[in-house]
Amino acid sequence: MGRARRDYFEPSEDQITDAVVEHWRIFAVPGSLVASIPNKRAFGQPGLMRGLPDLICLSPQLGRLTGFIELKRERGGRLSEAQINVGELLRLRGAPYAVCWGRDEPIAQLRTWGAIR
């Protein structure tokens, strides 16, 4: 038996990352920055650490704080234990942190944090 065929298109996390960063490039608030954290598939390579969020956000509205977004696909995306632990650490340190599903949720979060108009 093969896997069930999907009747819908669901972008990968890499495609979501690309779309969100491109959206920021087009609609960026001056003085803001949104970038991906190149940490995919961190399995013990030097300098990489499991659980780090996918995006980093700086904006005038956040001031001295740095925001972090963990991206998940709309269907079936779930947090790993490492991602849960890093998210809890960020929250304890007072860093803005959000888990967002699909393409639209992270864009809305960036709007809330004042990085896009």
Protein backbone atom coordinates (compact mmCIF):
# COMPACT_ATOMS: atom_id res chain seq x y z
CA MET A 1 0.00 0.00 0.00
CA GLY A 2 1.26 3.43 -0.93
CA ARG A 3 0.72 6.74 0.77
CA ALA A 4 -2.63 8.44 0.31
CA ARG A 5 -2.65 10.96 -2.51
CA ARG A 6 -3.07 14.56 -1.44
CA ASP A 7 -5.74 16.57 -3.23
CA TYR A 8 -4.29 19.90 -2.10
CA PHE A 9 -0.99 21.72 -2.44
CA GLU A 10 0.90 22.21 0.77
CA PRO A 11 4.17 24.12 0.65
CA SER A 12 7.21 22.80 2.51
CA GLU A 13 8.70 24.74 5.42
CA ASP A 14 11.49 25.88 3.10
CA GLN A 15 8.92 27.24 0.64
CA ILE A 16 7.05 28.96 3.48
CA THR A 17 10.31 30.50 4.72
CA ASP A 18 11.13 31.80 1.24
CA ALA A 19 7.62 33.26 0.80
CA VAL A 20 7.61 34.99 4.19
CA VAL A 21 11.07 36.54 3.75
CA GLU A 22 10.15 37.66 0.22
CA HIS A 23 6.94 39.23 1.58
CA TRP A 24 9.05 41.14 4.10
CA ARG A 25 11.42 42.31 1.35
CA ILE A 26 8.46 43.79 -0.53
CA PHE A 27 6.56 45.25 2.45
CA ALA A 28 9.37 45.92 4.96
CA VAL A 29 9.08 48.68 7.51
CA PRO A 30 12.27 50.80 7.39
CA GLY A 31 14.66 49.72 10.12
CA SER A 32 13.38 46.15 10.25
CA LEU A 33 15.03 42.84 9.40
CA VAL A 34 13.57 39.40 8.81
CA ALA A 35 15.92 36.53 7.99
CA SER A 36 16.00 32.78 8.15
CA ILE A 37 18.22 31.02 10.65
CA PRO A 38 20.14 28.50 8.52
CA ASN A 39 19.84 25.60 10.91
CA LYS A 40 17.83 23.02 8.96
CA ARG A 41 18.62 19.41 9.71
CA ALA A 42 20.98 20.18 12.62
CA PHE A 43 22.25 16.70 13.42
CA GLY A 44 25.47 17.42 15.23
CA GLN A 45 27.21 19.57 12.63
CA PRO A 46 29.56 22.11 14.21
CA GLY A 47 27.80 25.37 15.01
CA LEU A 48 24.27 24.06 14.57
CA MET A 49 21.82 23.34 17.36
CA ARG A 50 18.55 21.48 17.19
CA GLY A 51 15.41 23.40 18.02
CA LEU A 52 16.34 26.90 16.92
CA PRO A 53 13.45 28.82 15.34
CA ASP A 54 13.27 29.35 11.59
CA LEU A 55 13.09 33.15 11.44
CA ILE A 56 14.61 36.07 13.31
CA CYS A 57 12.90 39.46 13.37
CA LEU A 58 14.16 42.92 14.32
CA SER A 59 11.85 45.92 14.09
CA PRO A 60 11.53 49.41 15.48
CA GLN A 61 8.34 48.33 17.29
CA LEU A 62 10.19 45.51 19.10
CA GLY A 63 12.91 47.96 20.13
CA ARG A 64 15.82 46.13 21.73
CA LEU A 65 14.01 42.80 21.63
CA THR A 66 14.56 40.18 18.94
CA GLY A 67 11.59 38.16 17.74
CA PHE A 68 11.72 34.52 16.71
CA ILE A 69 9.26 32.50 14.65
CA GLU A 70 9.05 28.73 14.39
CA LEU A 71 7.37 27.79 11.11
CA LYS A 72 5.21 24.73 10.61
CA ARG A 73 3.35 23.35 7.64
CA GLU A 74 -0.40 23.78 7.89
CA ARG A 75 -1.18 20.08 8.17
CA GLY A 76 0.74 17.72 10.37
CA GLY A 77 3.34 20.21 11.55
CA ARG A 78 4.32 19.55 15.13
CA LEU A 79 7.04 20.80 17.44
CA SER A 80 9.95 18.57 18.34
CA GLU A 81 11.07 18.33 21.95
CA ALA A 82 14.11 20.48 21.09
CA GLN A 83 11.86 23.15 19.55
CA ILE A 84 9.62 23.14 22.62
CA ASN A 85 12.66 23.54 24.90
CA VAL A 86 14.13 26.42 22.87
CA GLY A 87 10.72 28.13 22.71
CA GLU A 88 10.38 27.90 26.50
CA LEU A 89 13.88 29.32 26.97
CA LEU A 90 13.12 32.25 24.65
CA ARG A 91 9.88 32.98 26.50
CA LEU A 92 11.66 32.81 29.88
CA ARG A 93 14.19 35.32 28.57
CA GLY A 94 11.40 37.66 27.45
CA ALA A 95 12.02 37.25 23.73
CA PRO A 96 8.99 37.58 21.45
CA TYR A 97 8.37 34.04 20.16
CA ALA A 98 5.63 32.56 18.03
CA VAL A 99 4.83 29.25 16.39
CA CYS A 100 3.09 29.90 13.08
CA TRP A 101 1.45 27.50 10.63
CA GLY A 102 1.37 28.00 6.88
CA ARG A 103 2.28 31.21 5.06
CA ASP A 104 -0.31 33.64 6.36
CA GLU A 105 0.22 33.24 10.12
CA PRO A 106 3.91 34.28 10.12
CA ILE A 107 3.10 37.26 7.89
CA ALA A 108 0.40 38.33 10.36
CA GLN A 109 2.90 37.90 13.23
CA LEU A 110 5.47 40.08 11.46
CA ARG A 111 2.76 42.72 10.98
CA THR A 112 1.97 42.53 14.70
CA TRP A 113 5.65 42.97 15.55
CA GLY A 114 5.87 45.97 13.21
CA ALA A 115 8.28 44.50 10.65
CA ILE A 116 5.90 44.78 7.67
CA ARG A 117 3.20 47.22 6.67
